[in-house]
Structures are given as C-alpha cells and as structure tokens.
Amino acid sequence: MRLTLYTDYALRTLIYLGLRQDRRVSIREVAEAHRISENHLIKVVHQLGRGGFVETTRGKGGGLRLARPPEQICIGEVVRFTEEDMALVACFQPAAEAGVCALINVCRLQSLLGEALSAFLAVLDGRTLADLIARPHGLAMAGRLGVAPPGPASAALPPAPEGQGQPNL
C-alpha cells in the first residue's frame, strides 16, 4: 500500500499544526517548513477543513489551526478521508467487471488483500495525532521544522553530542 502525496501532505500539515497549537499559522509557513508546493497545499487544507480536522480563518489575524485536540484526530480517519481510492487491485473496484480479471469472484487473493488492508487501517486507527507529536519525537520534529512546541515542554532541543547526527524520525 502506498499513500498518495496528497495524504502525505495532509498528515504533515496536521503534524505542523499540532506542534504550533499556540497560534494560527499560514499555509505559506507550513509549505515552507515542509518544502512543499503552497498551491497544492491550499487544496489539501481546504479538504482538511471540510473534514473537520482544520479550522481556517481569513484576513488579518487569520490562518490555520487544528479544529480538534490532537488526541481526537485519528490517523486512520485522516487517511480514509484523504485517500480517494483504497483499492489495492482492480477487482476491489465496486464496478469490477468480468473483463477486469478472469479470476474475479473465485480468487482468494482479493480476500487476502482485503484482510491486509483492514490490518493496515487498524494500526492507523489505533494512533492519533497526539501520538505522532508526543515527546521525544515531537521535540525532534519541532527542531527539524524550526518551531518550538507550546507550553513548558517548548524548551529548545539540546544540541546533539559531537559526532552524532539528528535522531531518526
């Protein structure tokens, strides 16, 4: 299973907003932090707003912020909302015709892949945005993105000991 860039951008946007709960942020800020297209991100943010994940405000003092607490944003829900097509093979399509595959309706591969997809989504359903931005990884991500998470935990990341790189994310 490979998620689309659209879903990747949606998840990265939510991570950024989760790390910046202290204020509203602009689409440009998110795009620059993640080095992604601002124009493409506008579409992603619009859909996240329609899905109730992001709240947008226009004008002076406007911007983006999470519409719900990070603990209430399920990663599986975001993936299902942003992925247009979860069909792993052609016979998953609702309108699969006999011409798609000679083995349709007699092949066990469809049920096996359906089980695998369900397991994949079950793992994502068990995680929230709060899990993704929790310490220590949240601090490391904030450091990489050049932001400090809000609250007392917003102390800057300590410098890495000499000869060691950034932590793996």
N, C-alpha and C. Protein backbone atom coordinates (compact mmCIF):
# COMPACT_ATOMS: atom_id res chain seq x y z
N MET A 1 0.86 -1.19 0.00
CA MET A 1 0.00 0.00 0.00
C MET A 1 0.89 1.22 0.00
N ARG A 2 0.60 2.12 -0.87
CA ARG A 2 1.34 3.37 -0.93
C ARG A 2 0.34 4.52 -0.84
N LEU A 3 0.56 5.38 0.15
CA LEU A 3 -0.31 6.54 0.29
C LEU A 3 0.07 7.59 -0.74
N THR A 4 -0.91 8.36 -1.16
CA THR A 4 -0.66 9.42 -2.13
C THR A 4 0.08 10.59 -1.48
N LEU A 5 0.70 11.42 -2.31
CA LEU A 5 1.33 12.64 -1.80
C LEU A 5 0.30 13.53 -1.12
N TYR A 6 -0.91 13.50 -1.61
CA TYR A 6 -1.99 14.29 -1.04
C TYR A 6 -2.17 13.95 0.44
N THR A 7 -2.24 12.66 0.73
CA THR A 7 -2.39 12.21 2.11
C THR A 7 -1.14 12.53 2.92
N ASP A 8 0.01 12.36 2.33
CA ASP A 8 1.27 12.70 3.00
C ASP A 8 1.27 14.18 3.39
N TYR A 9 0.87 15.04 2.47
CA TYR A 9 0.83 16.48 2.76
C TYR A 9 -0.21 16.79 3.85
N ALA A 10 -1.33 16.09 3.82
CA ALA A 10 -2.35 16.30 4.84
C ALA A 10 -1.81 15.93 6.22
N LEU A 11 -1.14 14.80 6.31
CA LEU A 11 -0.59 14.38 7.59
C LEU A 11 0.51 15.32 8.06
N ARG A 12 1.36 15.76 7.13
CA ARG A 12 2.42 16.70 7.51
C ARG A 12 1.84 18.03 7.98
N THR A 13 0.77 18.47 7.34
CA THR A 13 0.11 19.71 7.76
C THR A 13 -0.44 19.57 9.18
N LEU A 14 -1.09 18.46 9.45
CA LEU A 14 -1.64 18.24 10.79
C LEU A 14 -0.54 18.15 11.84
N ILE A 15 0.57 17.52 11.50
CA ILE A 15 1.70 17.46 12.43
C ILE A 15 2.19 18.86 12.73
N TYR A 16 2.36 19.68 11.70
CA TYR A 16 2.84 21.04 11.91
C TYR A 16 1.87 21.82 12.80
N LEU A 17 0.58 21.71 12.51
CA LEU A 17 -0.40 22.43 13.32
C LEU A 17 -0.43 21.90 14.75
N GLY A 18 -0.20 20.62 14.90
CA GLY A 18 -0.14 20.04 16.24
C GLY A 18 1.04 20.56 17.04
N LEU A 19 2.12 20.85 16.35
CA LEU A 19 3.31 21.40 17.01
C LEU A 19 3.17 22.90 17.26
N ARG A 20 2.24 23.57 16.57
CA ARG A 20 2.04 25.02 16.69
C ARG A 20 0.66 25.34 17.24
N GLN A 21 0.24 24.68 18.27
CA GLN A 21 -1.09 24.92 18.82
C GLN A 21 -1.20 26.27 19.53
N ASP A 22 -0.08 26.94 19.72
CA ASP A 22 -0.08 28.21 20.43
C ASP A 22 -0.59 29.37 19.58
N ARG A 23 -0.68 29.16 18.26
CA ARG A 23 -1.10 30.26 17.40
C ARG A 23 -1.58 29.73 16.06
N ARG A 24 -2.22 30.61 15.29
CA ARG A 24 -2.61 30.27 13.91
C ARG A 24 -1.37 30.37 13.03
N VAL A 25 -1.34 29.55 12.00
CA VAL A 25 -0.22 29.59 11.06
C VAL A 25 -0.76 29.75 9.65
N SER A 26 0.08 30.24 8.77
CA SER A 26 -0.33 30.42 7.37
C SER A 26 0.00 29.17 6.56
N ILE A 27 -0.68 29.03 5.45
CA ILE A 27 -0.38 27.94 4.52
C ILE A 27 1.06 28.08 4.04
N ARG A 28 1.48 29.30 3.79
CA ARG A 28 2.85 29.54 3.34
C ARG A 28 3.86 29.01 4.36
N GLU A 29 3.60 29.26 5.63
CA GLU A 29 4.51 28.80 6.69
C GLU A 29 4.63 27.27 6.68
N VAL A 30 3.50 26.59 6.57
CA VAL A 30 3.51 25.12 6.53
C VAL A 30 4.25 24.64 5.29
N ALA A 31 3.95 25.25 4.15
CA ALA A 31 4.59 24.86 2.89
C ALA A 31 6.10 25.05 2.95
N GLU A 32 6.54 26.17 3.48
CA GLU A 32 7.98 26.43 3.58
C GLU A 32 8.65 25.47 4.56
N ALA A 33 8.01 25.19 5.67
CA ALA A 33 8.60 24.29 6.66
C ALA A 33 8.80 22.89 6.10
N HIS A 34 7.85 22.45 5.29
CA HIS A 34 7.92 21.09 4.73
C HIS A 34 8.48 21.05 3.31
N ARG A 35 8.78 22.24 2.76
CA ARG A 35 9.30 22.34 1.39
C ARG A 35 8.36 21.67 0.39
N ILE A 36 7.09 22.06 0.46
CA ILE A 36 6.11 21.54 -0.48
C ILE A 36 5.38 22.70 -1.15
N SER A 37 4.71 22.41 -2.25
CA SER A 37 4.02 23.43 -3.04
C SER A 37 2.89 24.09 -2.26
N GLU A 38 2.94 25.40 -2.18
CA GLU A 38 1.89 26.15 -1.50
C GLU A 38 0.56 25.99 -2.23
N ASN A 39 0.58 26.00 -3.56
CA ASN A 39 -0.65 25.86 -4.33
C ASN A 39 -1.32 24.51 -4.08
N HIS A 40 -0.51 23.46 -4.03
CA HIS A 40 -1.06 22.13 -3.77
C HIS A 40 -1.59 22.05 -2.34
N LEU A 41 -0.88 22.67 -1.42
CA LEU A 41 -1.27 22.64 -0.02
C LEU A 41 -2.61 23.35 0.23
N ILE A 42 -2.90 24.35 -0.57
CA ILE A 42 -4.19 25.05 -0.45
C ILE A 42 -5.34 24.06 -0.63
N LYS A 43 -5.23 23.18 -1.62
CA LYS A 43 -6.27 22.17 -1.87
C LYS A 43 -6.37 21.20 -0.70
N VAL A 44 -5.23 20.78 -0.19
CA VAL A 44 -5.19 19.85 0.93
C VAL A 44 -5.86 20.46 2.16
N VAL A 45 -5.49 21.71 2.47
CA VAL A 45 -6.04 22.39 3.65
C VAL A 45 -7.55 22.59 3.50
N HIS A 46 -7.99 22.90 2.29
CA HIS A 46 -9.43 23.07 2.06
C HIS A 46 -10.17 21.78 2.41
N GLN A 47 -9.65 20.65 1.95
CA GLN A 47 -10.30 19.37 2.24
C GLN A 47 -10.21 19.04 3.73
N LEU A 48 -9.08 19.32 4.36
CA LEU A 48 -8.96 19.08 5.80
C LEU A 48 -9.98 19.92 6.58
N GLY A 49 -10.25 21.12 6.09
CA GLY A 49 -11.26 21.96 6.71
C GLY A 49 -12.65 21.37 6.57
N ARG A 50 -12.97 20.87 5.37
CA ARG A 50 -14.28 20.25 5.15
C ARG A 50 -14.46 19.00 6.00
N GLY A 51 -13.34 18.34 6.30
CA GLY A 51 -13.40 17.12 7.10
C GLY A 51 -13.42 17.36 8.60
N GLY A 52 -13.32 18.62 9.00
CA GLY A 52 -13.36 18.93 10.42
C GLY A 52 -12.05 18.71 11.14
N PHE A 53 -10.95 18.64 10.40
CA PHE A 53 -9.64 18.46 11.01
C PHE A 53 -8.95 19.80 11.26
N VAL A 54 -9.22 20.77 10.38
CA VAL A 54 -8.55 22.07 10.42
C VAL A 54 -9.60 23.17 10.41
N GLU A 55 -9.32 24.21 11.15
CA GLU A 55 -10.17 25.41 11.17
C GLU A 55 -9.39 26.51 10.46
N THR A 56 -10.02 27.16 9.49
CA THR A 56 -9.36 28.23 8.76
C THR A 56 -10.08 29.55 9.00
N THR A 57 -9.29 30.60 9.11
CA THR A 57 -9.83 31.95 9.29
C THR A 57 -9.13 32.87 8.31
N ARG A 58 -9.90 33.62 7.54
CA ARG A 58 -9.33 34.55 6.57
C ARG A 58 -9.06 35.90 7.22
N GLY A 59 -8.22 36.66 6.54
CA GLY A 59 -7.98 38.04 6.94
C GLY A 59 -6.90 38.21 7.98
N LYS A 60 -6.79 39.45 8.45
CA LYS A 60 -5.76 39.79 9.43
C LYS A 60 -5.98 38.97 10.70
N GLY A 61 -4.92 38.38 11.18
CA GLY A 61 -5.02 37.52 12.36
C GLY A 61 -5.56 36.14 12.04
N GLY A 62 -5.78 35.87 10.77
CA GLY A 62 -6.31 34.58 10.36
C GLY A 62 -5.22 33.54 10.21
N GLY A 63 -5.60 32.43 9.66
CA GLY A 63 -4.66 31.34 9.45
C GLY A 63 -5.31 30.01 9.75
N LEU A 64 -4.47 29.03 10.00
CA LEU A 64 -4.92 27.67 10.24
C LEU A 64 -4.65 27.26 11.67
N ARG A 65 -5.50 26.37 12.16
CA ARG A 65 -5.22 25.70 13.42
C ARG A 65 -6.03 24.41 13.44
N LEU A 66 -5.69 23.53 14.35
CA LEU A 66 -6.43 22.29 14.47
C LEU A 66 -7.86 22.59 14.90
N ALA A 67 -8.81 21.88 14.32
CA ALA A 67 -10.21 22.05 14.70
C ALA A 67 -10.56 21.22 15.92
N ARG A 68 -9.73 20.25 16.23
CA ARG A 68 -9.94 19.37 17.39
C ARG A 68 -8.61 19.18 18.11
N PRO A 69 -8.64 18.76 19.35
CA PRO A 69 -7.38 18.45 20.03
C PRO A 69 -6.68 17.29 19.32
N PRO A 70 -5.35 17.25 19.36
CA PRO A 70 -4.61 16.17 18.69
C PRO A 70 -5.05 14.77 19.12
N GLU A 71 -5.50 14.63 20.36
CA GLU A 71 -5.95 13.33 20.87
C GLU A 71 -7.23 12.86 20.18
N GLN A 72 -7.92 13.77 19.52
CA GLN A 72 -9.18 13.42 18.85
C GLN A 72 -9.04 13.32 17.34
N ILE A 73 -7.82 13.38 16.84
CA ILE A 73 -7.60 13.26 15.40
C ILE A 73 -6.93 11.91 15.15
N CYS A 74 -7.75 10.97 14.67
CA CYS A 74 -7.30 9.60 14.41
C CYS A 74 -6.60 9.55 13.05
N ILE A 75 -5.42 8.97 13.02
CA ILE A 75 -4.64 8.90 11.77
C ILE A 75 -5.39 8.08 10.72
N GLY A 76 -6.01 6.99 11.12
CA GLY A 76 -6.79 6.18 10.17
C GLY A 76 -7.93 6.97 9.55
N GLU A 77 -8.56 7.81 10.34
CA GLU A 77 -9.65 8.65 9.84
C GLU A 77 -9.13 9.63 8.79
N VAL A 78 -7.98 10.21 9.03
CA VAL A 78 -7.39 11.16 8.08
C VAL A 78 -7.04 10.44 6.78
N VAL A 79 -6.44 9.27 6.89
CA VAL A 79 -6.05 8.51 5.69
C VAL A 79 -7.29 8.13 4.88
N ARG A 80 -8.31 7.62 5.52
CA ARG A 80 -9.53 7.26 4.80
C ARG A 80 -10.16 8.49 4.13
N PHE A 81 -10.09 9.64 4.81
CA PHE A 81 -10.70 10.86 4.28
C PHE A 81 -9.94 11.41 3.08
N THR A 82 -8.63 11.28 3.07
CA THR A 82 -7.83 11.89 2.01
C THR A 82 -7.48 10.95 0.86
N GLU A 83 -7.56 9.66 1.09
CA GLU A 83 -7.28 8.70 0.01
C GLU A 83 -8.55 8.47 -0.79
N GLU A 84 -8.52 8.81 -2.05
CA GLU A 84 -9.71 8.63 -2.90
C GLU A 84 -9.97 7.17 -3.21
N ASP A 85 -8.91 6.39 -3.34
CA ASP A 85 -9.05 5.01 -3.80
C ASP A 85 -8.20 4.09 -2.94
N MET A 86 -8.84 3.28 -2.14
CA MET A 86 -8.11 2.34 -1.30
C MET A 86 -8.04 0.95 -1.94
N ALA A 87 -8.46 0.84 -3.20
CA ALA A 87 -8.43 -0.44 -3.89
C ALA A 87 -6.99 -0.85 -4.16
N LEU A 88 -6.60 -2.00 -3.63
CA LEU A 88 -5.24 -2.48 -3.85
C LEU A 88 -5.07 -3.12 -5.22
N VAL A 89 -6.13 -3.72 -5.73
CA VAL A 89 -6.11 -4.33 -7.06
C VAL A 89 -7.43 -3.99 -7.77
N ALA A 90 -7.46 -4.19 -9.08
CA ALA A 90 -8.62 -3.79 -9.88
C ALA A 90 -9.92 -4.44 -9.42
N CYS A 91 -9.85 -5.68 -8.93
CA CYS A 91 -11.09 -6.36 -8.55
C CYS A 91 -11.70 -5.79 -7.27
N PHE A 92 -11.02 -4.86 -6.60
CA PHE A 92 -11.59 -4.19 -5.42
C PHE A 92 -12.59 -3.12 -5.84
N GLN A 93 -12.52 -2.68 -7.07
CA GLN A 93 -13.40 -1.61 -7.53
C GLN A 93 -14.85 -2.07 -7.43
N PRO A 94 -15.74 -1.19 -6.97
CA PRO A 94 -17.15 -1.57 -6.83
C PRO A 94 -17.77 -2.04 -8.14
N ALA A 95 -17.35 -1.45 -9.23
CA ALA A 95 -17.93 -1.80 -10.53
C ALA A 95 -17.02 -2.76 -11.30
N ALA A 96 -16.30 -3.62 -10.57
CA ALA A 96 -15.40 -4.56 -11.24
C ALA A 96 -16.21 -5.47 -12.16
N GLU A 97 -15.75 -5.56 -13.36
CA GLU A 97 -16.45 -6.36 -14.36
C GLU A 97 -15.68 -7.64 -14.60
N ALA A 98 -16.33 -8.58 -15.23
CA ALA A 98 -15.69 -9.86 -15.53
C ALA A 98 -14.44 -9.67 -16.37
N GLY A 99 -14.40 -8.61 -17.17
CA GLY A 99 -13.25 -8.37 -18.04
C GLY A 99 -12.02 -7.87 -17.31
N VAL A 100 -12.17 -7.42 -16.07
CA VAL A 100 -11.04 -6.90 -15.31
C VAL A 100 -10.05 -8.02 -15.01
N CYS A 101 -10.58 -9.17 -14.62
CA CYS A 101 -9.73 -10.32 -14.29
C CYS A 101 -10.53 -11.59 -14.53
N ALA A 102 -9.90 -12.56 -15.13
CA ALA A 102 -10.57 -13.83 -15.41
C ALA A 102 -10.91 -14.59 -14.12
N LEU A 103 -10.26 -14.23 -13.03
CA LEU A 103 -10.45 -14.96 -11.77
C LEU A 103 -11.41 -14.28 -10.80
N ILE A 104 -12.03 -13.20 -11.24
CA ILE A 104 -12.89 -12.44 -10.32
C ILE A 104 -13.96 -13.36 -9.72
N ASN A 105 -14.20 -13.19 -8.44
CA ASN A 105 -15.18 -13.95 -7.65
C ASN A 105 -14.78 -15.39 -7.36
N VAL A 106 -13.65 -15.86 -7.84
CA VAL A 106 -13.19 -17.21 -7.49
C VAL A 106 -11.77 -17.19 -6.92
N CYS A 107 -11.16 -16.04 -6.91
CA CYS A 107 -9.77 -15.91 -6.45
C CYS A 107 -9.74 -15.55 -4.97
N ARG A 108 -8.83 -16.14 -4.24
CA ARG A 108 -8.70 -15.85 -2.81
C ARG A 108 -7.79 -14.64 -2.55
N LEU A 109 -7.12 -14.16 -3.59
CA LEU A 109 -6.22 -13.01 -3.42
C LEU A 109 -6.99 -11.78 -2.97
N GLN A 110 -8.17 -11.57 -3.52
CA GLN A 110 -8.97 -10.40 -3.15
C GLN A 110 -9.25 -10.38 -1.65
N SER A 111 -9.65 -11.51 -1.09
CA SER A 111 -9.95 -11.53 0.35
C SER A 111 -8.67 -11.40 1.18
N LEU A 112 -7.57 -11.96 0.71
CA LEU A 112 -6.30 -11.83 1.43
C LEU A 112 -5.85 -10.37 1.46
N LEU A 113 -5.92 -9.70 0.32
CA LEU A 113 -5.53 -8.29 0.27
C LEU A 113 -6.51 -7.42 1.06
N GLY A 114 -7.77 -7.78 1.06
CA GLY A 114 -8.75 -7.05 1.87
C GLY A 114 -8.43 -7.17 3.35
N GLU A 115 -8.01 -8.35 3.77
CA GLU A 115 -7.61 -8.57 5.16
C GLU A 115 -6.36 -7.75 5.50
N ALA A 116 -5.41 -7.71 4.57
CA ALA A 116 -4.19 -6.93 4.79
C ALA A 116 -4.50 -5.43 4.89
N LEU A 117 -5.38 -4.94 4.03
CA LEU A 117 -5.77 -3.53 4.08
C LEU A 117 -6.47 -3.21 5.40
N SER A 118 -7.32 -4.11 5.85
CA SER A 118 -8.00 -3.90 7.13
C SER A 118 -7.00 -3.84 8.28
N ALA A 119 -5.98 -4.70 8.25
CA ALA A 119 -4.96 -4.70 9.30
C ALA A 119 -4.16 -3.40 9.26
N PHE A 120 -3.82 -2.94 8.07
CA PHE A 120 -3.10 -1.67 7.90
C PHE A 120 -3.89 -0.52 8.51
N LEU A 121 -5.17 -0.45 8.17
CA LEU A 121 -6.02 0.63 8.68
C LEU A 121 -6.25 0.49 10.18
N ALA A 122 -6.30 -0.73 10.68
CA ALA A 122 -6.48 -0.94 12.13
C ALA A 122 -5.31 -0.37 12.91
N VAL A 123 -4.10 -0.51 12.39
CA VAL A 123 -2.93 0.07 13.05
C VAL A 123 -3.06 1.58 13.08
N LEU A 124 -3.42 2.18 11.95
CA LEU A 124 -3.58 3.63 11.88
C LEU A 124 -4.73 4.11 12.76
N ASP A 125 -5.78 3.30 12.88
CA ASP A 125 -6.91 3.66 13.73
C ASP A 125 -6.52 3.69 15.21
N GLY A 126 -5.48 2.98 15.55
CA GLY A 126 -5.02 2.94 16.94
C GLY A 126 -4.10 4.07 17.32
N ARG A 127 -3.86 5.00 16.40
CA ARG A 127 -2.95 6.12 16.67
C ARG A 127 -3.64 7.44 16.38
N THR A 128 -3.25 8.44 17.15
CA THR A 128 -3.79 9.79 16.96
C THR A 128 -2.65 10.75 16.63
N LEU A 129 -3.03 11.95 16.27
CA LEU A 129 -2.04 13.00 16.03
C LEU A 129 -1.21 13.22 17.29
N ALA A 130 -1.84 13.12 18.45
CA ALA A 130 -1.11 13.29 19.72
C ALA A 130 0.03 12.28 19.83
N ASP A 131 -0.19 11.05 19.36
CA ASP A 131 0.88 10.04 19.39
C ASP A 131 2.05 10.45 18.51
N LEU A 132 1.75 11.08 17.38
CA LEU A 132 2.82 11.46 16.44
C LEU A 132 3.65 12.63 16.95
N ILE A 133 3.04 13.52 17.71
CA ILE A 133 3.77 14.72 18.15
C ILE A 133 4.23 14.63 19.60
N ALA A 134 4.03 13.48 20.23
CA ALA A 134 4.44 13.31 21.62
C ALA A 134 5.97 13.29 21.73
N ARG A 135 6.46 13.62 22.92
CA ARG A 135 7.89 13.56 23.20
C ARG A 135 8.37 12.13 23.05
N PRO A 136 9.59 11.86 22.70
CA PRO A 136 10.62 12.82 22.32
C PRO A 136 10.57 13.19 20.84
N HIS A 137 9.80 12.43 20.06
CA HIS A 137 9.78 12.69 18.62
C HIS A 137 9.19 14.04 18.26
N GLY A 138 8.21 14.49 19.01
CA GLY A 138 7.61 15.80 18.76
C GLY A 138 8.63 16.92 18.88
N LEU A 139 9.49 16.82 19.88
CA LEU A 139 10.54 17.83 20.04
C LEU A 139 11.53 17.76 18.89
N ALA A 140 11.87 16.55 18.47
CA ALA A 140 12.80 16.40 17.35
C ALA A 140 12.18 16.96 16.07
N MET A 141 10.90 16.67 15.84
CA MET A 141 10.24 17.21 14.65
C MET A 141 10.18 18.72 14.71
N ALA A 142 9.84 19.26 15.87
CA ALA A 142 9.78 20.72 16.01
C ALA A 142 11.14 21.34 15.69
N GLY A 143 12.20 20.71 16.16
CA GLY A 143 13.54 21.20 15.87
C GLY A 143 13.86 21.18 14.39
N ARG A 144 13.48 20.10 13.73
CA ARG A 144 13.74 20.00 12.29
C ARG A 144 12.93 21.01 11.50
N LEU A 145 11.73 21.33 11.98
CA LEU A 145 10.87 22.27 11.28
C LEU A 145 11.12 23.71 11.70
N GLY A 146 11.95 23.90 12.69
CA GLY A 146 12.28 25.25 13.14
C GLY A 146 11.20 25.90 13.98
N VAL A 147 10.41 25.08 14.68
CA VAL A 147 9.37 25.61 15.56
C VAL A 147 9.57 25.06 16.97
N ALA A 148 9.04 25.76 17.93
CA ALA A 148 9.06 25.27 19.31
C ALA A 148 7.64 24.94 19.70
N PRO A 149 7.38 23.73 20.18
CA PRO A 149 6.03 23.41 20.60
C PRO A 149 5.62 24.28 21.78
N PRO A 150 4.32 24.54 21.94
CA PRO A 150 3.86 25.42 23.01
C PRO A 150 4.01 24.79 24.39
N GLY A 151 3.91 25.63 25.40
CA GLY A 151 3.90 25.16 26.78
C GLY A 151 5.28 24.96 27.36
N PRO A 152 5.34 24.43 28.59
CA PRO A 152 6.62 24.27 29.27
C PRO A 152 7.54 23.29 28.57
N ALA A 153 6.99 22.41 27.75
CA ALA A 153 7.83 21.44 27.04
C ALA A 153 8.48 22.07 25.82
N SER A 154 8.37 23.38 25.65
CA SER A 154 8.86 24.02 24.44
C SER A 154 10.32 24.41 24.52
N ALA A 155 11.02 23.91 25.49
CA ALA A 155 12.45 24.20 25.57
C ALA A 155 13.13 23.71 24.31
N ALA A 156 14.10 24.46 23.89
CA ALA A 156 14.81 24.10 22.66
C ALA A 156 15.47 22.74 22.81
N LEU A 157 15.59 22.05 21.70
CA LEU A 157 16.28 20.77 21.72
C LEU A 157 17.73 20.97 22.12
N PRO A 158 18.24 20.11 22.97
CA PRO A 158 19.66 20.23 23.29
C PRO A 158 20.48 19.88 22.06
N PRO A 159 21.64 20.49 21.90
CA PRO A 159 22.46 20.16 20.75
C PRO A 159 22.89 18.70 20.81
N ALA A 160 23.00 18.09 19.64
CA ALA A 160 23.46 16.70 19.57
C ALA A 160 24.91 16.64 19.99
N PRO A 161 25.30 15.58 20.72
CA PRO A 161 26.71 15.44 21.08
C PRO A 161 27.56 15.41 19.82
N GLU A 162 28.77 15.90 19.94
CA GLU A 162 29.65 15.96 18.77
C GLU A 162 29.78 14.59 18.14
N GLY A 163 29.75 14.60 16.81
CA GLY A 163 29.91 13.36 16.06
C GLY A 163 28.61 12.59 15.88
N GLN A 164 27.51 13.09 16.43
CA GLN A 164 26.24 12.40 16.27
C GLN A 164 25.29 13.28 15.49
N GLY A 165 24.50 12.68 14.62
CA GLY A 165 23.54 13.42 13.81
C GLY A 165 22.22 13.57 14.53
N GLN A 166 21.23 14.01 13.79
CA GLN A 166 19.89 14.18 14.32
C GLN A 166 19.28 12.81 14.61
N PRO A 167 18.34 12.73 15.55
CA PRO A 167 17.68 11.45 15.83
C PRO A 167 16.86 11.01 14.62
N ASN A 168 16.72 9.71 14.47
CA ASN A 168 15.88 9.17 13.39
C ASN A 168 14.43 9.40 13.72
N LEU A 169 13.65 9.79 12.71
CA LEU A 169 12.21 10.01 12.92
C LEU A 169 11.44 8.94 12.24
